[in-house]
Amino acid sequence: MDVNMEREMIYKSNDINIVMALSELRKNIIGWFPIREDADILEIGGNYGEITEELCRKGKTITVEPDTSKAELIYERLKKVSNLEIISKKLNEIKFEKSFDYITLIGCLENIDSLYGEYKDSSEAFFELLKYLKTLLKPSGKILLAFDNKYGIKYWAGAVNNRDENAYKAVFDEKNILYKDKVQEIIKSAGFDKMKFYYPLPDYKLANVIYSSDYLPKPNEAKLRYYAYYNDYSNIIFNEIGAINTLAKDGKFEDFANSYFVEISNDGNLCDTKFASFNNLRKREKRLLTRIVGDKVYKESIEDESKQFMDEYLNNLERIKMLGFNSLEEIEDNKVVSPYLDYMTLTEKLVEYAKKENISLFYDTIGDWYEKIKNLLGITQNEDSEGNKSDLNYTSNGFIDLTFDNVFVNNNEYYVFDQEWFKSNIPVEFILYRSICNMYEYNPELNKIVDKNDVLNKFNLSTHEDYFKELEEQFRNEVTDSEIVEFYNSTYKNVLYLNDLVNNYKEMINNNEKLKENVNYFIENENKLNEKINELNKIIESQNEELNTENNKINKLNSELMEIKKTKTWKLINYFKRNGEDDRR
């Protein structure tokens, strides 16, 4: 079956269970991690094989899945993979003949009893499992865990995992040990001193970005505006995205992240990756992986389909430098590499000026950047793609992502980055329009200080806004994976605000009062209504009698007519009716 057809079937099913089992996004939780080439890997809890293929790409893999039907499904999915062994037994029933570089437990800690025998509680089971896994690790080996946080913000918002689960069950379940402090405590007690926590969003199942303790999200960061998703049984009582942004601002993000990915080291050496981003909402041929590793930032293609797009990005980097823009990005081994710098972006600078009420500097800085990009990009014509005269300034060097978020500012110098997109014959004003709109989208509080419409008017952008929106929609359609977006939209739940619930309750009471009034009316007037019904019944009976009399008359006439039709006279009359005209001639 065609890959695109398979994807369409998966995402258009709008079934979370199908997407969780079959989506290519499931591999993201492990796809970014630097597993050594030709490593020996043990996957515990293969489930439906969501990440098994990705593990096989990285090394020789043994997958343990006690459920026979699931193990058979993994085999069917991956029977052409030569470096995979599938074992359908509990872990404590298997005798391994070698040790491993990596052992993964992705999403299986919730069902630890089914994997590793029964213990009095989950804490003991997890502790004993870790002690056993330590005996299977090579000296430099690592255990990789991924699990949902019982205190994840989605559960506080009202998310549930299945039909039979009540809201907040995960939060208040004393037997549920899956939260950061407890897991950390058990890992240490099992003899591991070194570990590192990572924070995938929206969760480990459909990871789009992965933060770490070394790189936590900043408030209003674009990556925090992820797509939340819920099953049909969830009733959501507040906006999860707004809440996680507030938690990031207050330094509580780590405690309330929806999921954790944990790297446990046997020899104390930990991965130096701080951050990873996948661009899940893009079409596959446009997806790139961004990683911050130590003091460097790497961008590379992770899909075969996106290699051509990566080549275009490399060409863009050379082109924008030739135009005179400062960039710290370089090309190494078909990757874009740049130093990791803690410079402020132009967006952050502008927001800072606005909050300090330095509005003149706010406007001057936007104007300065606007003039700079006009001069460097060059104005080639004042007409649109159809040759119509325009008061807009068109450029053939259409780097439409020269937005404030993609510009560092240091010592009054601008440094551009992430210039993946290039389109010819684009108005420079459109680039400025996108910059302003993005800034206000991710910093909505800015509107209280400087109205967005005032900024658009200041730079004469408002009169062309409909055209700019049309260009933006065209661009998004070229870039966005509509099937994934439709899936997220279909699984999003509108927030049930308390005021709405109160109003609904009042309306229900009012409706009940009206119903009571109607019932009371019928009770009070029951005799009158019965009399009226009896009168109507008598009229109906009388009319039925008259109808029967008329029917009898009709039947009698029909009988007489049948007798007439049998007579010779009737036959002659009919004959003359048919042939009389000819006889007269």
Protein backbone atom coordinates (compact mmCIF):
# COMPACT_ATOMS: atom_id res chain seq x y z
CA MET A 1 0.00 0.00 0.00
CA ASP A 2 1.20 3.54 -0.79
CA VAL A 3 2.77 5.28 2.25
CA ASN A 4 0.64 8.40 1.81
CA MET A 5 -2.51 6.27 1.65
CA GLU A 6 -1.49 4.49 4.87
CA ARG A 7 -0.93 7.81 6.63
CA GLU A 8 -4.28 9.13 5.43
CA MET A 9 -6.03 6.04 6.84
CA ILE A 10 -4.24 6.44 10.19
CA TYR A 11 -4.87 10.14 10.81
CA LYS A 12 -8.31 10.42 9.21
CA SER A 13 -9.54 7.64 11.46
CA ASN A 14 -9.56 10.33 14.21
CA ASP A 15 -9.01 7.39 16.57
CA ILE A 16 -6.35 8.09 19.20
CA ASN A 17 -5.70 4.36 19.72
CA ILE A 18 -4.95 3.84 16.02
CA VAL A 19 -2.68 6.89 15.88
CA MET A 20 -0.89 5.82 19.07
CA ALA A 21 -0.20 2.40 17.57
CA LEU A 22 0.72 3.33 13.99
CA SER A 23 1.82 6.97 13.72
CA GLU A 24 5.37 7.64 12.52
CA LEU A 25 5.54 10.37 15.20
CA ARG A 26 5.83 7.70 17.89
CA LYS A 27 9.50 7.15 16.99
CA ASN A 28 10.39 10.75 17.94
CA ILE A 29 10.84 9.88 21.61
CA ILE A 30 13.89 7.81 20.69
CA GLY A 31 14.79 9.21 17.25
CA TRP A 32 16.76 12.18 18.61
CA PHE A 33 18.82 10.22 21.15
CA PRO A 34 22.45 9.53 20.08
CA ILE A 35 22.54 5.72 20.25
CA ARG A 36 25.93 4.32 19.30
CA GLU A 37 26.10 2.66 15.88
CA ASP A 38 25.81 -1.17 15.92
CA ALA A 39 24.72 -1.12 19.56
CA ASP A 40 23.11 -4.08 21.31
CA ILE A 41 19.60 -2.95 22.31
CA LEU A 42 16.99 -4.59 24.54
CA GLU A 43 13.45 -3.20 24.18
CA ILE A 44 11.19 -4.14 27.09
CA GLY A 45 7.50 -3.89 26.27
CA GLY A 46 7.43 -3.78 22.49
CA ASN A 47 3.63 -3.22 22.55
CA TYR A 48 2.63 -2.77 18.86
CA GLY A 49 6.16 -1.99 17.64
CA GLU A 50 5.75 1.79 17.77
CA ILE A 51 9.47 2.46 18.26
CA THR A 52 10.89 -0.98 17.45
CA GLU A 53 11.77 -0.16 13.85
CA GLU A 54 13.58 3.02 14.91
CA LEU A 55 15.62 0.99 17.43
CA CYS A 56 16.51 -1.50 14.69
CA ARG A 57 17.84 1.36 12.56
CA LYS A 58 20.24 2.14 15.37
CA GLY A 59 21.42 -1.35 16.32
CA LYS A 60 20.73 -5.07 16.86
CA THR A 61 17.49 -5.24 18.83
CA ILE A 62 15.79 -7.83 21.00
CA THR A 63 12.17 -6.94 21.75
CA VAL A 64 10.37 -8.50 24.71
CA GLU A 65 6.56 -8.44 24.48
CA PRO A 66 4.73 -10.95 26.76
CA ASP A 67 1.38 -10.48 24.96
CA THR A 68 1.42 -13.06 22.14
CA SER A 69 -1.01 -11.18 19.90
CA LYS A 70 1.06 -7.99 20.16
CA ALA A 71 4.26 -9.92 19.49
CA GLU A 72 2.69 -11.39 16.36
CA LEU A 73 1.67 -7.92 15.20
CA ILE A 74 5.26 -6.66 15.68
CA TYR A 75 6.44 -9.58 13.56
CA GLU A 76 3.95 -8.76 10.80
CA ARG A 77 5.01 -5.11 10.79
CA LEU A 78 8.74 -5.80 10.78
CA LYS A 79 9.24 -9.27 9.31
CA LYS A 80 11.60 -7.83 6.67
CA VAL A 81 13.89 -6.36 9.36
CA SER A 82 16.90 -8.68 9.69
CA ASN A 83 18.43 -7.42 12.96
CA LEU A 84 15.34 -7.93 15.14
CA GLU A 85 14.53 -10.79 17.53
CA ILE A 86 11.08 -10.92 19.16
CA ILE A 87 10.55 -12.82 22.43
CA SER A 88 7.00 -13.29 23.76
CA LYS A 89 7.67 -14.07 27.44
CA LYS A 90 7.87 -12.22 30.72
CA LEU A 91 11.27 -10.74 31.36
CA ASN A 92 11.95 -12.94 34.40
CA GLU A 93 11.30 -16.06 32.28
CA ILE A 94 14.10 -15.26 29.81
CA LYS A 95 17.79 -16.13 30.12
CA PHE A 96 19.83 -13.66 28.06
CA GLU A 97 23.15 -14.75 26.65
CA LYS A 98 24.63 -11.27 26.26
CA SER A 99 24.63 -7.84 27.86
CA PHE A 100 23.31 -4.64 26.29
CA ASP A 101 24.41 -1.11 25.46
CA TYR A 102 20.87 0.23 25.81
CA ILE A 103 17.73 -1.04 27.50
CA THR A 104 14.49 0.83 26.77
CA LEU A 105 11.24 0.91 28.75
CA ILE A 106 9.02 3.25 26.74
CA GLY A 107 5.48 3.57 28.09
CA CYS A 108 5.45 0.22 29.90
CA LEU A 109 6.00 1.16 33.56
CA GLU A 110 2.23 1.53 34.00
CA ASN A 111 1.94 -2.26 33.39
CA ILE A 112 5.09 -3.43 35.11
CA ASP A 113 3.44 -6.55 36.61
CA SER A 114 2.72 -7.97 33.18
CA LEU A 115 6.39 -7.58 32.23
CA TYR A 116 8.27 -8.66 35.34
CA GLY A 117 6.17 -10.75 37.70
CA GLU A 118 3.98 -9.68 40.60
CA TYR A 119 5.10 -7.74 43.65
CA LYS A 120 3.27 -6.24 46.61
CA ASP A 121 3.35 -2.76 45.06
CA SER A 122 4.63 -0.83 42.03
CA SER A 123 7.56 0.69 43.94
CA GLU A 124 8.96 -2.73 44.79
CA ALA A 125 8.37 -4.04 41.28
CA PHE A 126 10.17 -1.05 39.70
CA PHE A 127 13.05 -1.31 42.18
CA GLU A 128 13.54 -5.05 41.55
CA LEU A 129 13.28 -4.53 37.78
CA LEU A 130 15.98 -1.85 37.79
CA LYS A 131 18.29 -4.02 39.90
CA TYR A 132 17.84 -6.87 37.42
CA LEU A 133 18.38 -4.61 34.39
CA LYS A 134 21.62 -3.37 35.91
CA THR A 135 22.95 -6.96 35.64
CA LEU A 136 22.10 -6.93 31.91
CA LEU A 137 23.89 -3.66 31.13
CA LYS A 138 27.38 -3.34 29.72
CA PRO A 139 29.69 -1.20 31.89
CA SER A 140 28.94 1.87 29.75
CA GLY A 141 25.31 0.90 29.17
CA LYS A 142 22.20 3.04 29.64
CA ILE A 143 18.55 2.53 30.53
CA LEU A 144 16.05 4.80 28.75
CA LEU A 145 12.62 5.29 30.34
CA ALA A 146 9.55 7.17 29.11
CA PHE A 147 6.31 7.52 31.08
CA ASP A 148 3.42 9.87 31.79
CA ASN A 149 3.72 12.06 34.88
CA LYS A 150 0.79 11.44 37.27
CA TYR A 151 0.92 15.19 38.04
CA GLY A 152 1.06 16.21 34.38
CA ILE A 153 -0.84 19.39 33.60
CA LYS A 154 -3.18 17.54 31.21
CA TYR A 155 -4.49 15.42 34.09
CA TRP A 156 -5.16 18.49 36.23
CA ALA A 157 -7.02 19.93 33.24
CA GLY A 158 -9.32 16.87 33.22
CA ALA A 159 -7.73 14.40 30.78
CA VAL A 160 -8.43 10.70 31.31
CA ASN A 161 -6.84 7.66 29.68
CA ASN A 162 -9.91 5.54 29.02
CA ARG A 163 -13.70 5.32 29.20
CA ASP A 164 -13.82 3.87 32.73
CA GLU A 165 -11.42 6.34 34.33
CA ASN A 166 -12.69 9.24 36.41
CA ALA A 167 -11.12 12.66 36.09
CA TYR A 168 -8.09 13.12 38.40
CA LYS A 169 -7.77 9.37 38.98
CA ALA A 170 -4.10 9.50 37.98
CA VAL A 171 -3.46 12.48 40.26
CA PHE A 172 -5.03 11.01 43.41
CA ASP A 173 -4.11 7.34 42.89
CA GLU A 174 -1.75 6.57 45.79
CA LYS A 175 -0.55 3.40 44.04
CA ASN A 176 0.65 5.44 41.05
CA ILE A 177 4.36 6.10 41.64
CA LEU A 178 5.05 7.75 38.30
CA TYR A 179 6.15 11.24 39.26
CA LYS A 180 9.60 12.79 39.18
CA ASP A 181 10.69 12.70 42.83
CA LYS A 182 9.53 9.12 43.42
CA VAL A 183 11.04 7.72 40.22
CA GLN A 184 14.30 9.53 40.98
CA GLU A 185 14.35 8.04 44.48
CA ILE A 186 13.79 4.46 43.24
CA ILE A 187 16.46 4.80 40.52
CA LYS A 188 19.02 5.91 43.12
CA SER A 189 18.08 3.14 45.55
CA ALA A 190 18.61 0.58 42.75
CA GLY A 191 22.27 1.61 42.50
CA PHE A 192 22.29 4.27 39.76
CA ASP A 193 23.85 7.60 40.72
CA LYS A 194 23.66 9.41 37.41
CA MET A 195 20.45 10.20 35.53
CA LYS A 196 19.03 13.01 33.43
CA PHE A 197 15.38 14.05 33.02
CA TYR A 198 13.96 15.29 29.73
CA TYR A 199 10.52 16.82 29.15
CA PRO A 200 8.74 15.90 25.87
CA LEU A 201 5.78 18.01 24.73
CA PRO A 202 2.89 17.45 24.36
CA ASP A 203 4.00 14.08 25.82
CA TYR A 204 6.31 11.16 25.09
CA LYS A 205 3.80 9.53 22.71
CA LEU A 206 3.66 12.36 20.13
CA ALA A 207 6.80 14.27 21.08
CA ASN A 208 7.26 17.47 19.08
CA VAL A 209 9.85 19.15 21.31
CA ILE A 210 12.01 17.75 24.09
CA TYR A 211 13.39 20.04 26.79
CA SER A 212 15.86 19.02 29.49
CA SER A 213 16.95 20.13 32.93
CA ASP A 214 19.83 21.90 31.12
CA TYR A 215 17.47 23.74 28.77
CA LEU A 216 14.04 24.66 30.11
CA PRO A 217 11.38 26.62 28.17
CA LYS A 218 11.15 30.38 28.46
CA PRO A 219 7.72 31.99 29.04
CA ASN A 220 5.83 32.75 25.79
CA GLU A 221 8.25 30.59 23.81
CA ALA A 222 6.71 29.49 20.51
CA LYS A 223 7.50 25.83 21.21
CA LEU A 224 5.25 25.95 24.30
CA ARG A 225 2.23 26.49 22.05
CA TYR A 226 1.94 22.81 21.25
CA TYR A 227 -1.20 20.99 20.07
CA ALA A 228 -2.91 19.37 23.05
CA TYR A 229 -4.99 16.27 22.32
CA TYR A 230 -7.55 14.35 24.38
CA ASN A 231 -9.72 11.27 24.01
CA ASP A 232 -13.52 11.39 23.81
CA TYR A 233 -13.97 10.73 27.54
CA SER A 234 -12.08 13.81 28.78
CA ASN A 235 -13.83 16.93 30.08
CA ILE A 236 -11.32 19.78 30.08
CA ILE A 237 -11.79 22.57 32.62
CA PHE A 238 -8.90 24.92 31.78
CA ASN A 239 -6.50 25.76 28.95
CA GLU A 240 -3.52 23.44 29.30
CA ILE A 241 -1.28 25.57 27.06
CA GLY A 242 -1.88 28.74 29.06
CA ALA A 243 -1.25 26.86 32.30
CA ILE A 244 2.06 25.31 31.15
CA ASN A 245 3.25 28.76 30.08
CA THR A 246 2.50 30.13 33.56
CA LEU A 247 4.29 27.16 35.16
CA ALA A 248 7.35 27.85 32.98
CA LYS A 249 7.25 31.48 34.10
CA ASP A 250 7.06 30.44 37.78
CA GLY A 251 9.80 27.80 37.56
CA LYS A 252 7.43 24.82 38.05
CA PHE A 253 7.49 23.39 34.53
CA GLU A 254 9.51 20.29 35.49
CA ASP A 255 7.02 19.14 38.14
CA PHE A 256 3.96 19.43 35.89
CA ALA A 257 5.32 18.33 32.50
CA ASN A 258 2.97 15.75 30.96
CA SER A 259 5.70 13.14 30.43
CA TYR A 260 9.28 12.33 31.28
CA PHE A 261 12.10 10.72 29.34
CA VAL A 262 14.85 9.56 31.68
CA GLU A 263 18.41 8.61 30.77
CA ILE A 264 20.02 6.37 33.41
CA SER A 265 23.77 5.84 33.10
CA ASN A 266 25.70 2.82 34.37
CA ASP A 267 29.09 4.57 34.25
CA GLY A 268 28.05 8.16 34.98
CA ASN A 269 28.39 9.49 31.42
CA LEU A 270 25.26 11.28 30.19
CA CYS A 271 24.15 12.59 26.82
CA ASP A 272 25.04 16.25 26.27
CA THR A 273 21.92 16.98 24.18
CA LYS A 274 19.92 19.75 25.85
CA PHE A 275 17.01 20.17 23.47
CA ALA A 276 15.40 18.59 20.40
CA SER A 277 12.62 19.76 18.06
CA PHE A 278 10.89 17.80 15.27
CA ASN A 279 8.42 20.07 13.36
CA ASN A 280 5.63 17.46 13.53
CA LEU A 281 3.08 19.73 11.89
CA ARG A 282 5.06 20.03 8.68
CA LYS A 283 4.75 17.74 5.71
CA ARG A 284 7.26 14.90 5.95
CA GLU A 285 9.38 16.30 3.13
CA LYS A 286 9.78 19.55 5.10
CA ARG A 287 10.64 18.12 8.54
CA LEU A 288 14.05 18.78 10.07
CA LEU A 289 15.48 17.83 13.44
CA THR A 290 16.98 20.62 15.57
CA ARG A 291 19.23 19.65 18.48
CA ILE A 292 21.19 21.71 20.97
CA VAL A 293 24.22 19.60 21.89
CA GLY A 294 26.68 21.12 24.33
CA ASP A 295 27.54 24.55 22.95
CA LYS A 296 26.38 23.81 19.38
CA VAL A 297 23.05 23.82 17.52
CA TYR A 298 22.52 21.22 14.78
CA LYS A 299 19.83 21.09 12.10
CA GLU A 300 19.52 18.04 9.87
CA SER A 301 17.06 15.93 7.90
CA ILE A 302 15.75 12.85 9.68
CA GLU A 303 13.41 11.63 6.96
CA ASP A 304 14.55 10.36 3.56
CA GLU A 305 11.83 12.57 2.06
CA SER A 306 13.32 15.74 3.62
CA LYS A 307 16.87 15.44 2.22
CA GLN A 308 16.03 17.64 -0.77
CA PHE A 309 14.56 20.29 1.54
CA MET A 310 17.78 20.17 3.59
CA ASP A 311 19.76 20.84 0.42
CA GLU A 312 17.55 23.86 -0.29
CA TYR A 313 18.18 25.12 3.24
CA LEU A 314 21.95 24.83 2.73
CA ASN A 315 21.64 26.83 -0.50
CA ASN A 316 19.57 29.47 1.32
CA LEU A 317 22.30 29.84 3.93
CA GLU A 318 24.94 30.57 1.31
CA ARG A 319 22.60 32.95 -0.55
CA ILE A 320 21.62 35.02 2.49
CA LYS A 321 25.26 35.48 3.48
CA MET A 322 26.03 36.69 -0.06
CA LEU A 323 23.28 39.31 0.35
CA GLY A 324 25.17 40.76 3.34
CA PHE A 325 23.23 39.39 6.32
CA ASN A 326 25.19 38.30 9.39
CA SER A 327 24.78 34.62 10.20
CA LEU A 328 26.59 32.40 12.68
CA GLU A 329 25.42 29.23 10.92
CA GLU A 330 27.89 27.05 8.99
CA ILE A 331 27.58 23.90 6.86
CA GLU A 332 29.14 20.65 8.14
CA ASP A 333 28.41 17.16 6.74
CA ASN A 334 25.07 18.24 5.20
CA LYS A 335 24.02 19.78 8.52
CA VAL A 336 23.61 23.40 9.56
CA VAL A 337 25.74 24.03 12.64
CA SER A 338 25.94 27.16 14.77
CA PRO A 339 27.21 28.09 18.23
CA TYR A 340 24.61 28.04 20.98
CA LEU A 341 24.38 31.63 22.17
CA ASP A 342 22.28 33.16 24.87
CA TYR A 343 21.62 36.31 22.85
CA MET A 344 18.21 37.95 22.96
CA THR A 345 16.04 37.63 19.88
CA LEU A 346 14.66 40.75 18.24
CA THR A 347 11.22 39.74 19.56
CA GLU A 348 12.54 39.63 23.12
CA LYS A 349 14.19 43.04 22.68
CA LEU A 350 10.99 44.61 21.36
CA VAL A 351 8.86 43.11 24.16
CA GLU A 352 11.40 44.40 26.69
CA TYR A 353 11.20 47.94 25.23
CA ALA A 354 7.40 47.84 25.31
CA LYS A 355 7.24 46.62 28.92
CA LYS A 356 9.63 49.40 29.93
CA GLU A 357 7.24 51.77 28.09
CA ASN A 358 9.99 52.89 25.76
CA ILE A 359 7.56 53.00 22.86
CA SER A 360 9.66 55.29 20.65
CA LEU A 361 12.59 52.82 20.82
CA PHE A 362 10.11 49.99 20.12
CA TYR A 363 9.01 51.66 16.88
CA ASP A 364 12.51 52.84 15.93
CA THR A 365 13.93 49.32 16.26
CA ILE A 366 11.21 47.85 14.04
CA GLY A 367 11.82 50.63 11.50
CA ASP A 368 15.58 50.07 11.59
CA TRP A 369 15.20 46.34 10.90
CA TYR A 370 12.66 47.04 8.16
CA GLU A 371 15.01 49.39 6.34
CA LYS A 372 17.85 46.93 6.72
CA ILE A 373 16.01 44.01 5.10
CA LYS A 374 14.71 46.28 2.29
CA ASN A 375 18.26 47.39 1.50
CA LEU A 376 19.85 43.93 1.70
CA LEU A 377 17.10 41.98 -0.06
CA GLY A 378 16.81 44.55 -2.80
CA ILE A 379 13.64 45.84 -4.44
CA THR A 380 13.27 44.42 -7.92
CA GLN A 381 9.84 45.68 -8.96
CA ASN A 382 6.65 47.37 -7.89
CA GLU A 383 4.21 44.97 -9.44
CA ASP A 384 2.73 41.65 -8.42
CA SER A 385 3.25 38.24 -10.06
CA GLU A 386 0.57 39.06 -12.65
CA GLY A 387 2.22 42.32 -13.66
CA ASN A 388 -0.27 44.60 -11.90
CA LYS A 389 1.13 47.89 -10.57
CA SER A 390 1.38 47.98 -6.79
CA ASP A 391 2.52 50.30 -4.02
CA LEU A 392 4.27 47.32 -2.42
CA ASN A 393 8.01 46.66 -2.74
CA TYR A 394 8.60 43.21 -4.29
CA THR A 395 11.89 41.34 -3.97
CA SER A 396 13.23 38.31 -5.80
CA ASN A 397 15.09 37.37 -2.58
CA GLY A 398 12.00 36.33 -0.65
CA PHE A 399 13.32 35.07 2.69
CA ILE A 400 9.90 35.16 4.26
CA ASP A 401 11.09 33.86 7.64
CA LEU A 402 13.22 36.91 8.41
CA THR A 403 10.90 37.39 11.36
CA PHE A 404 11.85 38.92 14.70
CA ASP A 405 12.03 35.44 16.28
CA ASN A 406 14.76 34.41 13.81
CA VAL A 407 17.06 37.34 14.51
CA PHE A 408 19.55 37.61 17.38
CA VAL A 409 20.54 41.06 18.62
CA ASN A 410 23.97 41.68 20.18
CA ASN A 411 25.78 45.01 20.51
CA ASN A 412 23.36 46.56 18.01
CA GLU A 413 24.24 43.90 15.42
CA TYR A 414 21.66 41.58 13.86
CA TYR A 415 22.36 37.87 13.28
CA VAL A 416 19.82 35.85 11.30
CA PHE A 417 19.21 32.10 11.64
CA ASP A 418 16.74 29.35 10.58
CA GLN A 419 16.27 30.73 7.06
CA GLU A 420 14.77 27.55 5.62
CA TRP A 421 12.18 29.20 3.38
CA PHE A 422 12.75 31.07 0.16
CA LYS A 423 10.15 32.39 -2.33
CA SER A 424 10.74 34.72 -5.24
CA ASN A 425 8.66 37.83 -5.91
CA ILE A 426 7.40 38.49 -2.38
CA PRO A 427 6.60 41.95 -0.94
CA VAL A 428 9.12 42.99 1.72
CA GLU A 429 6.11 44.41 3.57
CA PHE A 430 4.76 40.86 3.89
CA ILE A 431 7.93 39.81 5.75
CA LEU A 432 7.42 42.69 8.20
CA TYR A 433 3.72 41.84 8.52
CA ARG A 434 4.55 38.21 9.42
CA SER A 435 7.10 39.42 11.98
CA ILE A 436 4.61 41.68 13.75
CA CYS A 437 1.80 39.10 13.71
CA ASN A 438 4.05 36.36 15.12
CA MET A 439 5.31 38.65 17.85
CA TYR A 440 1.78 39.45 18.99
CA GLU A 441 0.60 35.84 18.67
CA TYR A 442 3.25 34.57 21.10
CA ASN A 443 3.14 37.65 23.35
CA PRO A 444 -0.57 38.51 23.61
CA GLU A 445 0.02 40.72 26.68
CA LEU A 446 1.83 43.14 24.35
CA ASN A 447 -1.54 44.33 23.04
CA LYS A 448 -2.25 46.00 26.39
CA ILE A 449 0.82 48.20 25.93
CA VAL A 450 1.03 48.78 22.17
CA ASP A 451 -2.01 47.88 20.10
CA LYS A 452 -1.13 45.57 17.20
CA ASN A 453 -3.33 47.55 14.79
CA ASP A 454 -1.46 50.72 15.67
CA VAL A 455 1.83 49.02 14.74
CA LEU A 456 0.41 47.78 11.42
CA ASN A 457 -0.91 51.27 10.66
CA LYS A 458 2.42 52.85 11.60
CA PHE A 459 4.14 50.90 8.82
CA ASN A 460 1.26 51.19 6.31
CA LEU A 461 0.49 47.47 6.39
CA SER A 462 -3.21 47.50 7.29
CA THR A 463 -4.48 48.38 3.80
CA HIS A 464 -2.87 45.21 2.40
CA GLU A 465 -3.81 42.89 5.25
CA ASP A 466 -6.25 40.78 3.22
CA TYR A 467 -3.55 40.17 0.61
CA PHE A 468 -0.97 39.31 3.26
CA LYS A 469 -3.37 36.85 4.90
CA GLU A 470 -3.88 35.21 1.52
CA LEU A 471 -0.09 34.87 1.06
CA GLU A 472 0.25 33.44 4.56
CA GLU A 473 -2.46 30.87 3.93
CA GLN A 474 -0.78 29.81 0.67
CA PHE A 475 2.52 29.38 2.51
CA ARG A 476 0.98 27.36 5.34
CA ASN A 477 -0.80 25.08 2.89
CA GLU A 478 2.55 24.37 1.21
CA VAL A 479 4.23 23.55 4.52
CA THR A 480 1.61 22.07 6.86
CA ASP A 481 0.69 18.39 7.09
CA SER A 482 -3.09 18.79 6.90
CA GLU A 483 -3.78 15.21 8.03
CA ILE A 484 -1.90 15.65 11.30
CA VAL A 485 -3.48 19.05 11.93
CA GLU A 486 -6.96 17.59 11.28
CA PHE A 487 -6.21 14.79 13.74
CA TYR A 488 -5.20 17.26 16.45
CA ASN A 489 -8.24 19.43 15.74
CA SER A 490 -10.54 16.40 15.96
CA THR A 491 -9.12 15.38 19.35
CA TYR A 492 -9.03 18.86 20.88
CA LYS A 493 -11.58 19.55 23.60
CA ASN A 494 -13.14 22.94 24.19
CA VAL A 495 -12.65 24.10 27.76
CA LEU A 496 -15.71 23.70 30.00
CA TYR A 497 -15.46 27.00 31.85
CA LEU A 498 -17.09 27.20 35.30
CA ASN A 499 -19.33 30.11 34.25
CA ASP A 500 -20.61 28.05 31.32
CA LEU A 501 -21.34 25.12 33.61
CA VAL A 502 -23.22 27.38 36.04
CA ASN A 503 -25.24 28.95 33.20
CA ASN A 504 -26.03 25.50 31.77
CA TYR A 505 -27.22 24.40 35.20
CA LYS A 506 -29.43 27.48 35.54
CA GLU A 507 -30.87 26.91 32.09
CA MET A 508 -31.59 23.29 32.98
CA ILE A 509 -33.40 24.43 36.15
CA ASN A 510 -35.42 26.99 34.15
CA ASN A 511 -36.34 24.32 31.62
CA ASN A 512 -37.43 22.07 34.50
CA GLU A 513 -39.60 24.88 35.90
CA LYS A 514 -41.28 25.29 32.52
CA LEU A 515 -41.79 21.55 32.35
CA LYS A 516 -43.37 21.61 35.82
CA GLU A 517 -45.74 24.40 34.75
CA ASN A 518 -46.85 22.37 31.74
CA VAL A 519 -47.37 19.24 33.86
CA ASN A 520 -49.36 21.19 36.47
CA TYR A 521 -51.54 22.66 33.74
CA PHE A 522 -52.39 19.22 32.42
CA ILE A 523 -53.13 17.90 35.92
CA GLU A 524 -55.40 20.82 36.79
CA ASN A 525 -57.31 20.56 33.50
CA GLU A 526 -57.37 16.78 33.26
CA ASN A 527 -61.24 16.47 33.51
CA LYS A 528 -61.85 19.18 30.94
CA LEU A 529 -59.34 17.61 28.61
CA ASN A 530 -60.94 14.18 29.05
CA GLU A 531 -64.40 15.60 28.26
CA LYS A 532 -62.99 17.26 25.14
CA ILE A 533 -61.36 13.99 24.09
CA ASN A 534 -64.70 12.11 24.57
CA GLU A 535 -66.52 14.67 22.41
CA LEU A 536 -63.91 14.30 19.69
CA ASN A 537 -64.21 10.50 19.89
CA LYS A 538 -68.03 10.69 19.39
CA ILE A 539 -67.59 12.95 16.37
CA ILE A 540 -65.08 10.49 14.93
CA GLU A 541 -67.48 7.56 15.52
CA SER A 542 -70.32 9.44 13.79
CA GLN A 543 -68.10 10.31 10.83
CA ASN A 544 -66.96 6.68 10.62
CA GLU A 545 -70.61 5.53 10.41
CA GLU A 546 -71.33 8.00 7.61
CA LEU A 547 -68.17 6.88 5.85
CA ASN A 548 -69.22 3.23 6.10
CA THR A 549 -72.65 4.07 4.62
CA GLU A 550 -71.05 5.86 1.68
CA ASN A 551 -68.62 2.97 1.16
CA ASN A 552 -71.55 0.54 1.01
CA LYS A 553 -73.21 2.68 -1.62
CA ILE A 554 -70.04 2.72 -3.68
CA ASN A 555 -69.67 -1.03 -3.40
CA LYS A 556 -73.25 -1.52 -4.58
CA LEU A 557 -72.71 0.77 -7.58
CA ASN A 558 -69.51 -1.09 -8.44
CA SER A 559 -71.41 -4.40 -8.40
CA GLU A 560 -74.09 -2.98 -10.69
CA LEU A 561 -71.43 -1.62 -13.03
CA MET A 562 -69.77 -5.05 -13.27
CA GLU A 563 -73.10 -6.56 -14.27
CA ILE A 564 -73.61 -3.87 -16.92
CA LYS A 565 -70.16 -4.57 -18.38
CA LYS A 566 -71.20 -8.17 -18.95
CA THR A 567 -74.15 -7.19 -21.19
CA LYS A 568 -74.10 -7.23 -24.99
CA THR A 569 -75.12 -3.57 -25.07
CA TRP A 570 -72.02 -2.48 -23.15
CA LYS A 571 -69.82 -4.39 -25.53
CA LEU A 572 -71.46 -2.80 -28.58
CA ILE A 573 -71.16 0.69 -27.15
CA ASN A 574 -67.46 0.10 -26.54
CA TYR A 575 -67.04 -1.19 -30.06
CA PHE A 576 -68.62 1.92 -31.53
CA LYS A 577 -66.54 4.16 -29.33
CA ARG A 578 -63.42 2.55 -30.77
CA ASN A 579 -64.51 2.22 -34.44
CA GLY A 580 -67.33 4.61 -34.93
CA GLU A 581 -65.23 7.19 -36.75
CA ASP A 582 -64.23 4.71 -39.46
CA ASP A 583 -67.80 3.42 -39.91
CA ARG A 584 -69.13 6.91 -40.54
CA ARG A 585 -66.72 7.32 -43.38
